[in-house]
mmCIF file of all heavy atoms, coordinates in Angstrom:
data_MODEL
# 
_entry.id   MODEL 
# 
loop_
_atom_site.group_PDB 
_atom_site.id 
_atom_site.type_symbol 
_atom_site.label_atom_id 
_atom_site.label_alt_id 
_atom_site.label_comp_id 
_atom_site.label_asym_id 
_atom_site.label_entity_id 
_atom_site.label_seq_id 
_atom_site.pdbx_PDB_ins_code 
_atom_site.Cartn_x 
_atom_site.Cartn_y 
_atom_site.Cartn_z 
_atom_site.occupancy 
_atom_site.B_iso_or_equiv 
_atom_site.pdbx_formal_charge 
_atom_site.auth_seq_id 
_atom_site.auth_comp_id 
_atom_site.auth_asym_id 
_atom_site.auth_atom_id 
_atom_site.pdbx_PDB_model_num 
ATOM 1   N N   . LEU A 1 1  ? -7.342 -0.104 -3.283  1.00 0.00 ? 1  LEU A N   1 
ATOM 2   C CA  . LEU A 1 1  ? -6.817 -0.906 -2.176  1.00 0.00 ? 1  LEU A CA  1 
ATOM 3   C C   . LEU A 1 1  ? -5.483 -0.388 -1.669  1.00 0.00 ? 1  LEU A C   1 
ATOM 4   O O   . LEU A 1 1  ? -5.341 -0.052 -0.497  1.00 0.00 ? 1  LEU A O   1 
ATOM 5   C CB  . LEU A 1 1  ? -6.659 -2.376 -2.596  1.00 0.00 ? 1  LEU A CB  1 
ATOM 6   C CG  . LEU A 1 1  ? -7.931 -3.200 -2.758  1.00 0.00 ? 1  LEU A CG  1 
ATOM 7   C CD1 . LEU A 1 1  ? -7.596 -4.632 -3.146  1.00 0.00 ? 1  LEU A CD1 1 
ATOM 8   C CD2 . LEU A 1 1  ? -8.773 -3.184 -1.498  1.00 0.00 ? 1  LEU A CD2 1 
ATOM 9   N N   . TYR A 1 2  ? -4.494 -0.318 -2.526  1.00 0.00 ? 2  TYR A N   1 
ATOM 10  C CA  . TYR A 1 2  ? -3.132 -0.069 -2.069  1.00 0.00 ? 2  TYR A CA  1 
ATOM 11  C C   . TYR A 1 2  ? -2.827 1.399  -1.795  1.00 0.00 ? 2  TYR A C   1 
ATOM 12  O O   . TYR A 1 2  ? -1.949 1.688  -1.001  1.00 0.00 ? 2  TYR A O   1 
ATOM 13  C CB  . TYR A 1 2  ? -2.136 -0.671 -3.062  1.00 0.00 ? 2  TYR A CB  1 
ATOM 14  C CG  . TYR A 1 2  ? -2.370 -2.157 -3.232  1.00 0.00 ? 2  TYR A CG  1 
ATOM 15  C CD1 . TYR A 1 2  ? -2.730 -2.694 -4.445  1.00 0.00 ? 2  TYR A CD1 1 
ATOM 16  C CD2 . TYR A 1 2  ? -2.270 -3.022 -2.142  1.00 0.00 ? 2  TYR A CD2 1 
ATOM 17  C CE1 . TYR A 1 2  ? -2.974 -4.050 -4.596  1.00 0.00 ? 2  TYR A CE1 1 
ATOM 18  C CE2 . TYR A 1 2  ? -2.508 -4.382 -2.283  1.00 0.00 ? 2  TYR A CE2 1 
ATOM 19  C CZ  . TYR A 1 2  ? -2.856 -4.890 -3.511  1.00 0.00 ? 2  TYR A CZ  1 
ATOM 20  O OH  . TYR A 1 2  ? -3.097 -6.229 -3.637  1.00 0.00 ? 2  TYR A OH  1 
ATOM 21  N N   . ASN A 1 3  ? -3.549 2.332  -2.421  1.00 0.00 ? 3  ASN A N   1 
ATOM 22  C CA  . ASN A 1 3  ? -3.345 3.741  -2.104  1.00 0.00 ? 3  ASN A CA  1 
ATOM 23  C C   . ASN A 1 3  ? -4.125 4.161  -0.865  1.00 0.00 ? 3  ASN A C   1 
ATOM 24  O O   . ASN A 1 3  ? -3.995 5.280  -0.396  1.00 0.00 ? 3  ASN A O   1 
ATOM 25  C CB  . ASN A 1 3  ? -3.708 4.633  -3.289  1.00 0.00 ? 3  ASN A CB  1 
ATOM 26  C CG  . ASN A 1 3  ? -2.626 4.651  -4.342  1.00 0.00 ? 3  ASN A CG  1 
ATOM 27  O OD1 . ASN A 1 3  ? -1.517 4.173  -4.124  1.00 0.00 ? 3  ASN A OD1 1 
ATOM 28  N ND2 . ASN A 1 3  ? -2.936 5.199  -5.498  1.00 0.00 ? 3  ASN A ND2 1 
ATOM 29  N N   . ASP A 1 4  ? -4.950 3.292  -0.329  1.00 0.00 ? 4  ASP A N   1 
ATOM 30  C CA  . ASP A 1 4  ? -5.671 3.519  0.917   1.00 0.00 ? 4  ASP A CA  1 
ATOM 31  C C   . ASP A 1 4  ? -4.724 3.120  2.057   1.00 0.00 ? 4  ASP A C   1 
ATOM 32  O O   . ASP A 1 4  ? -4.514 1.935  2.313   1.00 0.00 ? 4  ASP A O   1 
ATOM 33  C CB  . ASP A 1 4  ? -6.940 2.674  0.922   1.00 0.00 ? 4  ASP A CB  1 
ATOM 34  C CG  . ASP A 1 4  ? -7.747 2.804  2.201   1.00 0.00 ? 4  ASP A CG  1 
ATOM 35  O OD1 . ASP A 1 4  ? -7.186 3.198  3.252   1.00 0.00 ? 4  ASP A OD1 1 
ATOM 36  O OD2 . ASP A 1 4  ? -8.936 2.473  2.166   1.00 0.00 ? 4  ASP A OD2 1 
ATOM 37  N N   . VAL A 1 5  ? -4.149 4.103  2.718   1.00 0.00 ? 5  VAL A N   1 
ATOM 38  C CA  . VAL A 1 5  ? -3.103 3.850  3.714   1.00 0.00 ? 5  VAL A CA  1 
ATOM 39  C C   . VAL A 1 5  ? -3.597 2.931  4.835   1.00 0.00 ? 5  VAL A C   1 
ATOM 40  O O   . VAL A 1 5  ? -2.922 1.968  5.208   1.00 0.00 ? 5  VAL A O   1 
ATOM 41  C CB  . VAL A 1 5  ? -2.576 5.183  4.300   1.00 0.00 ? 5  VAL A CB  1 
ATOM 42  C CG1 . VAL A 1 5  ? -1.545 4.920  5.387   1.00 0.00 ? 5  VAL A CG1 1 
ATOM 43  C CG2 . VAL A 1 5  ? -1.989 6.062  3.204   1.00 0.00 ? 5  VAL A CG2 1 
ATOM 44  N N   . VAL A 1 6  ? -4.760 3.194  5.386   1.00 0.00 ? 6  VAL A N   1 
ATOM 45  C CA  . VAL A 1 6  ? -5.264 2.402  6.506   1.00 0.00 ? 6  VAL A CA  1 
ATOM 46  C C   . VAL A 1 6  ? -5.540 0.966  6.058   1.00 0.00 ? 6  VAL A C   1 
ATOM 47  O O   . VAL A 1 6  ? -5.147 0.005  6.730   1.00 0.00 ? 6  VAL A O   1 
ATOM 48  C CB  . VAL A 1 6  ? -6.527 3.051  7.121   1.00 0.00 ? 6  VAL A CB  1 
ATOM 49  C CG1 . VAL A 1 6  ? -7.130 2.148  8.185   1.00 0.00 ? 6  VAL A CG1 1 
ATOM 50  C CG2 . VAL A 1 6  ? -6.187 4.413  7.700   1.00 0.00 ? 6  VAL A CG2 1 
ATOM 51  N N   . ASN A 1 7  ? -6.206 0.797  4.932   1.00 0.00 ? 7  ASN A N   1 
ATOM 52  C CA  . ASN A 1 7  ? -6.504 -0.540 4.430   1.00 0.00 ? 7  ASN A CA  1 
ATOM 53  C C   . ASN A 1 7  ? -5.216 -1.330 4.187   1.00 0.00 ? 7  ASN A C   1 
ATOM 54  O O   . ASN A 1 7  ? -5.107 -2.495 4.570   1.00 0.00 ? 7  ASN A O   1 
ATOM 55  C CB  . ASN A 1 7  ? -7.315 -0.446 3.132   1.00 0.00 ? 7  ASN A CB  1 
ATOM 56  C CG  . ASN A 1 7  ? -7.606 -1.816 2.546   1.00 0.00 ? 7  ASN A CG  1 
ATOM 57  O OD1 . ASN A 1 7  ? -8.361 -2.580 3.106   1.00 0.00 ? 7  ASN A OD1 1 
ATOM 58  N ND2 . ASN A 1 7  ? -6.971 -2.126 1.436   1.00 0.00 ? 7  ASN A ND2 1 
ATOM 59  N N   . SER A 1 8  ? -4.240 -0.704 3.543   1.00 0.00 ? 8  SER A N   1 
ATOM 60  C CA  . SER A 1 8  ? -2.978 -1.395 3.264   1.00 0.00 ? 8  SER A CA  1 
ATOM 61  C C   . SER A 1 8  ? -2.243 -1.765 4.542   1.00 0.00 ? 8  SER A C   1 
ATOM 62  O O   . SER A 1 8  ? -1.678 -2.859 4.647   1.00 0.00 ? 8  SER A O   1 
ATOM 63  C CB  . SER A 1 8  ? -2.080 -0.525 2.384   1.00 0.00 ? 8  SER A CB  1 
ATOM 64  O OG  . SER A 1 8  ? -2.558 -0.516 1.069   1.00 0.00 ? 8  SER A OG  1 
ATOM 65  N N   . ALA A 1 9  ? -2.246 -0.873 5.520   1.00 0.00 ? 9  ALA A N   1 
ATOM 66  C CA  . ALA A 1 9  ? -1.563 -1.156 6.784   1.00 0.00 ? 9  ALA A CA  1 
ATOM 67  C C   . ALA A 1 9  ? -2.227 -2.315 7.518   1.00 0.00 ? 9  ALA A C   1 
ATOM 68  O O   . ALA A 1 9  ? -1.551 -3.148 8.116   1.00 0.00 ? 9  ALA A O   1 
ATOM 69  C CB  . ALA A 1 9  ? -1.550 0.091  7.661   1.00 0.00 ? 9  ALA A CB  1 
ATOM 70  N N   . ARG A 1 10 ? -3.560 -2.381 7.452   1.00 0.00 ? 10 ARG A N   1 
ATOM 71  C CA  . ARG A 1 10 ? -4.285 -3.459 8.138   1.00 0.00 ? 10 ARG A CA  1 
ATOM 72  C C   . ARG A 1 10 ? -4.122 -4.794 7.428   1.00 0.00 ? 10 ARG A C   1 
ATOM 73  O O   . ARG A 1 10 ? -4.111 -5.832 8.055   1.00 0.00 ? 10 ARG A O   1 
ATOM 74  C CB  . ARG A 1 10 ? -5.768 -3.098 8.253   1.00 0.00 ? 10 ARG A CB  1 
ATOM 75  C CG  . ARG A 1 10 ? -6.037 -1.962 9.242   1.00 0.00 ? 10 ARG A CG  1 
ATOM 76  C CD  . ARG A 1 10 ? -7.520 -1.672 9.343   1.00 0.00 ? 10 ARG A CD  1 
ATOM 77  N NE  . ARG A 1 10 ? -8.304 -2.840 9.679   1.00 0.00 ? 10 ARG A NE  1 
ATOM 78  C CZ  . ARG A 1 10 ? -8.465 -3.325 10.912  1.00 0.00 ? 10 ARG A CZ  1 
ATOM 79  N NH1 . ARG A 1 10 ? -7.877 -2.728 11.940  1.00 0.00 ? 10 ARG A NH1 1 
ATOM 80  N NH2 . ARG A 1 10 ? -9.196 -4.400 11.135  1.00 0.00 ? 10 ARG A NH2 1 
ATOM 81  N N   . ALA A 1 11 ? -4.017 -4.777 6.120   1.00 0.00 ? 11 ALA A N   1 
ATOM 82  C CA  . ALA A 1 11 ? -4.007 -6.027 5.355   1.00 0.00 ? 11 ALA A CA  1 
ATOM 83  C C   . ALA A 1 11 ? -2.612 -6.573 5.088   1.00 0.00 ? 11 ALA A C   1 
ATOM 84  O O   . ALA A 1 11 ? -2.447 -7.779 4.966   1.00 0.00 ? 11 ALA A O   1 
ATOM 85  C CB  . ALA A 1 11 ? -4.723 -5.821 4.022   1.00 0.00 ? 11 ALA A CB  1 
ATOM 86  N N   . GLY A 1 12 ? -1.625 -5.710 4.999   1.00 0.00 ? 12 GLY A N   1 
ATOM 87  C CA  . GLY A 1 12 ? -0.341 -6.144 4.489   1.00 0.00 ? 12 GLY A CA  1 
ATOM 88  C C   . GLY A 1 12 ? 0.673  -6.642 5.478   1.00 0.00 ? 12 GLY A C   1 
ATOM 89  O O   . GLY A 1 12 ? 1.591  -7.354 5.102   1.00 0.00 ? 12 GLY A O   1 
ATOM 90  N N   . GLY A 1 13 ? 0.557  -6.266 6.725   1.00 0.00 ? 13 GLY A N   1 
ATOM 91  C CA  . GLY A 1 13 ? 1.535  -6.719 7.703   1.00 0.00 ? 13 GLY A CA  1 
ATOM 92  C C   . GLY A 1 13 ? 2.878  -6.025 7.603   1.00 0.00 ? 13 GLY A C   1 
ATOM 93  O O   . GLY A 1 13 ? 3.861  -6.487 8.174   1.00 0.00 ? 13 GLY A O   1 
ATOM 94  N N   . ARG A 1 14 ? 2.932  -4.933 6.864   1.00 0.00 ? 14 ARG A N   1 
ATOM 95  C CA  . ARG A 1 14 ? 4.175  -4.157 6.757   1.00 0.00 ? 14 ARG A CA  1 
ATOM 96  C C   . ARG A 1 14 ? 3.805  -2.695 6.536   1.00 0.00 ? 14 ARG A C   1 
ATOM 97  O O   . ARG A 1 14 ? 2.656  -2.397 6.179   1.00 0.00 ? 14 ARG A O   1 
ATOM 98  C CB  . ARG A 1 14 ? 5.051  -4.686 5.630   1.00 0.00 ? 14 ARG A CB  1 
ATOM 99  C CG  . ARG A 1 14 ? 4.392  -4.667 4.284   1.00 0.00 ? 14 ARG A CG  1 
ATOM 100 C CD  . ARG A 1 14 ? 5.277  -5.287 3.225   1.00 0.00 ? 14 ARG A CD  1 
ATOM 101 N NE  . ARG A 1 14 ? 4.541  -5.372 1.984   1.00 0.00 ? 14 ARG A NE  1 
ATOM 102 C CZ  . ARG A 1 14 ? 4.888  -6.115 0.980   1.00 0.00 ? 14 ARG A CZ  1 
ATOM 103 N NH1 . ARG A 1 14 ? 5.979  -6.837 1.035   1.00 0.00 ? 14 ARG A NH1 1 
ATOM 104 N NH2 . ARG A 1 14 ? 4.179  -6.139 -0.111  1.00 0.00 ? 14 ARG A NH2 1 
ATOM 105 N N   . PRO A 1 15 ? 4.719  -1.773 6.737   1.00 0.00 ? 15 PRO A N   1 
ATOM 106 C CA  . PRO A 1 15 ? 4.383  -0.357 6.591   1.00 0.00 ? 15 PRO A CA  1 
ATOM 107 C C   . PRO A 1 15 ? 3.922  -0.020 5.173   1.00 0.00 ? 15 PRO A C   1 
ATOM 108 O O   . PRO A 1 15 ? 4.434  -0.563 4.199   1.00 0.00 ? 15 PRO A O   1 
ATOM 109 C CB  . PRO A 1 15 ? 5.694  0.369  6.910   1.00 0.00 ? 15 PRO A CB  1 
ATOM 110 C CG  . PRO A 1 15 ? 6.521  -0.611 7.642   1.00 0.00 ? 15 PRO A CG  1 
ATOM 111 C CD  . PRO A 1 15 ? 6.112  -1.964 7.152   1.00 0.00 ? 15 PRO A CD  1 
ATOM 112 N N   . TRP A 1 16 ? 2.942  0.873  5.098   1.00 0.00 ? 16 TRP A N   1 
ATOM 113 C CA  . TRP A 1 16 ? 2.465  1.342  3.798   1.00 0.00 ? 16 TRP A CA  1 
ATOM 114 C C   . TRP A 1 16 ? 3.552  2.153  3.111   1.00 0.00 ? 16 TRP A C   1 
ATOM 115 O O   . TRP A 1 16 ? 4.326  2.853  3.748   1.00 0.00 ? 16 TRP A O   1 
ATOM 116 C CB  . TRP A 1 16 ? 1.227  2.218  3.969   1.00 0.00 ? 16 TRP A CB  1 
ATOM 117 C CG  . TRP A 1 16 ? 0.718  2.773  2.681   1.00 0.00 ? 16 TRP A CG  1 
ATOM 118 C CD1 . TRP A 1 16 ? -0.110 2.149  1.795   1.00 0.00 ? 16 TRP A CD1 1 
ATOM 119 C CD2 . TRP A 1 16 ? 1.009  4.048  2.114   1.00 0.00 ? 16 TRP A CD2 1 
ATOM 120 N NE1 . TRP A 1 16 ? -0.353 2.956  0.716   1.00 0.00 ? 16 TRP A NE1 1 
ATOM 121 C CE2 . TRP A 1 16 ? 0.328  4.127  0.882   1.00 0.00 ? 16 TRP A CE2 1 
ATOM 122 C CE3 . TRP A 1 16 ? 1.789  5.137  2.506   1.00 0.00 ? 16 TRP A CE3 1 
ATOM 123 C CZ2 . TRP A 1 16 ? 0.382  5.249  0.056   1.00 0.00 ? 16 TRP A CZ2 1 
ATOM 124 C CZ3 . TRP A 1 16 ? 1.846  6.242  1.689   1.00 0.00 ? 16 TRP A CZ3 1 
ATOM 125 C CH2 . TRP A 1 16 ? 1.151  6.289  0.481   1.00 0.00 ? 16 TRP A CH2 1 
ATOM 126 N N   . ARG A 1 17 ? 3.622  2.019  1.811   1.00 0.00 ? 17 ARG A N   1 
ATOM 127 C CA  . ARG A 1 17 ? 4.491  2.873  1.005   1.00 0.00 ? 17 ARG A CA  1 
ATOM 128 C C   . ARG A 1 17 ? 3.804  3.105  -0.323  1.00 0.00 ? 17 ARG A C   1 
ATOM 129 O O   . ARG A 1 17 ? 3.078  2.235  -0.808  1.00 0.00 ? 17 ARG A O   1 
ATOM 130 C CB  . ARG A 1 17 ? 5.872  2.250  0.822   1.00 0.00 ? 17 ARG A CB  1 
ATOM 131 C CG  . ARG A 1 17 ? 5.865  0.876  0.218   1.00 0.00 ? 17 ARG A CG  1 
ATOM 132 C CD  . ARG A 1 17 ? 7.191  0.181  0.288   1.00 0.00 ? 17 ARG A CD  1 
ATOM 133 N NE  . ARG A 1 17 ? 8.250  0.943  -0.338  1.00 0.00 ? 17 ARG A NE  1 
ATOM 134 C CZ  . ARG A 1 17 ? 9.525  0.603  -0.294  1.00 0.00 ? 17 ARG A CZ  1 
ATOM 135 N NH1 . ARG A 1 17 ? 9.885  -0.500 0.333   1.00 0.00 ? 17 ARG A NH1 1 
ATOM 136 N NH2 . ARG A 1 17 ? 10.430 1.323  -0.881  1.00 0.00 ? 17 ARG A NH2 1 
ATOM 137 N N   . PRO A 1 18 ? 3.981  4.267  -0.913  1.00 0.00 ? 18 PRO A N   1 
ATOM 138 C CA  . PRO A 1 18 ? 3.301  4.549  -2.182  1.00 0.00 ? 18 PRO A CA  1 
ATOM 139 C C   . PRO A 1 18 ? 3.850  3.680  -3.309  1.00 0.00 ? 18 PRO A C   1 
ATOM 140 O O   . PRO A 1 18 ? 5.008  3.273  -3.287  1.00 0.00 ? 18 PRO A O   1 
ATOM 141 C CB  . PRO A 1 18 ? 3.602  6.034  -2.430  1.00 0.00 ? 18 PRO A CB  1 
ATOM 142 C CG  . PRO A 1 18 ? 4.841  6.306  -1.650  1.00 0.00 ? 18 PRO A CG  1 
ATOM 143 C CD  . PRO A 1 18 ? 4.812  5.384  -0.463  1.00 0.00 ? 18 PRO A CD  1 
ATOM 144 N N   . ILE A 1 19 ? 2.984  3.398  -4.267  1.00 0.00 ? 19 ILE A N   1 
ATOM 145 C CA  . ILE A 1 19 ? 3.367  2.612  -5.434  1.00 0.00 ? 19 ILE A CA  1 
ATOM 146 C C   . ILE A 1 19 ? 3.398  3.539  -6.642  1.00 0.00 ? 19 ILE A C   1 
ATOM 147 O O   . ILE A 1 19 ? 2.394  4.153  -6.989  1.00 0.00 ? 19 ILE A O   1 
ATOM 148 C CB  . ILE A 1 19 ? 2.361  1.476  -5.698  1.00 0.00 ? 19 ILE A CB  1 
ATOM 149 C CG1 . ILE A 1 19 ? 2.199  0.586  -4.478  1.00 0.00 ? 19 ILE A CG1 1 
ATOM 150 C CG2 . ILE A 1 19 ? 2.791  0.657  -6.915  1.00 0.00 ? 19 ILE A CG2 1 
ATOM 151 C CD1 . ILE A 1 19 ? 1.062  -0.404 -4.600  1.00 0.00 ? 19 ILE A CD1 1 
ATOM 152 N N   . LYS A 1 20 ? 4.538  3.623  -7.275  1.00 0.00 ? 20 LYS A N   1 
ATOM 153 C CA  . LYS A 1 20 ? 4.683  4.469  -8.460  1.00 0.00 ? 20 LYS A CA  1 
ATOM 154 C C   . LYS A 1 20 ? 3.895  3.853  -9.619  1.00 0.00 ? 20 LYS A C   1 
ATOM 155 O O   . LYS A 1 20 ? 3.971  2.641  -9.843  1.00 0.00 ? 20 LYS A O   1 
ATOM 156 C CB  . LYS A 1 20 ? 6.162  4.575  -8.818  1.00 0.00 ? 20 LYS A CB  1 
ATOM 157 C CG  . LYS A 1 20 ? 6.462  5.454  -10.012 1.00 0.00 ? 20 LYS A CG  1 
ATOM 158 C CD  . LYS A 1 20 ? 7.955  5.596  -10.218 1.00 0.00 ? 20 LYS A CD  1 
ATOM 159 C CE  . LYS A 1 20 ? 8.524  4.265  -10.674 1.00 0.00 ? 20 LYS A CE  1 
ATOM 160 N NZ  . LYS A 1 20 ? 9.951  4.334  -11.033 1.00 0.00 ? 20 LYS A NZ  1 
ATOM 161 N N   . PRO A 1 21 ? 3.131  4.652  -10.365 1.00 0.00 ? 21 PRO A N   1 
ATOM 162 C CA  . PRO A 1 21 ? 2.419  4.104  -11.527 1.00 0.00 ? 21 PRO A CA  1 
ATOM 163 C C   . PRO A 1 21 ? 3.388  3.375  -12.454 1.00 0.00 ? 21 PRO A C   1 
ATOM 164 O O   . PRO A 1 21 ? 4.485  3.839  -12.732 1.00 0.00 ? 21 PRO A O   1 
ATOM 165 C CB  . PRO A 1 21 ? 1.834  5.351  -12.208 1.00 0.00 ? 21 PRO A CB  1 
ATOM 166 C CG  . PRO A 1 21 ? 1.687  6.340  -11.095 1.00 0.00 ? 21 PRO A CG  1 
ATOM 167 C CD  . PRO A 1 21 ? 2.866  6.078  -10.183 1.00 0.00 ? 21 PRO A CD  1 
ATOM 168 N N   . GLY A 1 22 ? 2.968  2.195  -12.895 1.00 0.00 ? 22 GLY A N   1 
ATOM 169 C CA  . GLY A 1 22 ? 3.794  1.399  -13.794 1.00 0.00 ? 22 GLY A CA  1 
ATOM 170 C C   . GLY A 1 22 ? 4.866  0.577  -13.112 1.00 0.00 ? 22 GLY A C   1 
ATOM 171 O O   . GLY A 1 22 ? 5.611  -0.141 -13.776 1.00 0.00 ? 22 GLY A O   1 
ATOM 172 N N   . SER A 1 23 ? 4.938  0.657  -11.765 1.00 0.00 ? 23 SER A N   1 
ATOM 173 C CA  . SER A 1 23 ? 5.980  -0.099 -11.053 1.00 0.00 ? 23 SER A CA  1 
ATOM 174 C C   . SER A 1 23 ? 5.633  -1.581 -11.037 1.00 0.00 ? 23 SER A C   1 
ATOM 175 O O   . SER A 1 23 ? 4.495  -1.984 -11.265 1.00 0.00 ? 23 SER A O   1 
ATOM 176 C CB  . SER A 1 23 ? 6.133  0.410  -9.624  1.00 0.00 ? 23 SER A CB  1 
ATOM 177 O OG  . SER A 1 23 ? 5.054  -0.019 -8.830  1.00 0.00 ? 23 SER A OG  1 
ATOM 178 N N   . LYS A 1 24 ? 6.599  -2.389 -10.738 1.00 0.00 ? 24 LYS A N   1 
ATOM 179 C CA  . LYS A 1 24 ? 6.416  -3.833 -10.654 1.00 0.00 ? 24 LYS A CA  1 
ATOM 180 C C   . LYS A 1 24 ? 6.256  -4.270 -9.197  1.00 0.00 ? 24 LYS A C   1 
ATOM 181 O O   . LYS A 1 24 ? 6.749  -5.315 -8.802  1.00 0.00 ? 24 LYS A O   1 
ATOM 182 C CB  . LYS A 1 24 ? 7.608  -4.562 -11.305 1.00 0.00 ? 24 LYS A CB  1 
ATOM 183 C CG  . LYS A 1 24 ? 7.814  -4.211 -12.756 1.00 0.00 ? 24 LYS A CG  1 
ATOM 184 C CD  . LYS A 1 24 ? 6.635  -4.637 -13.600 1.00 0.00 ? 24 LYS A CD  1 
ATOM 185 C CE  . LYS A 1 24 ? 6.887  -4.306 -15.063 1.00 0.00 ? 24 LYS A CE  1 
ATOM 186 N NZ  . LYS A 1 24 ? 5.687  -4.414 -15.864 1.00 0.00 ? 24 LYS A NZ  1 
# 
């Protein structure tokens, strides 16, 4: 879900940004 840039941009309402493994 979240590493899919288009899906995240459409669902989140804010710019996509990568999530570091293990991040909170």
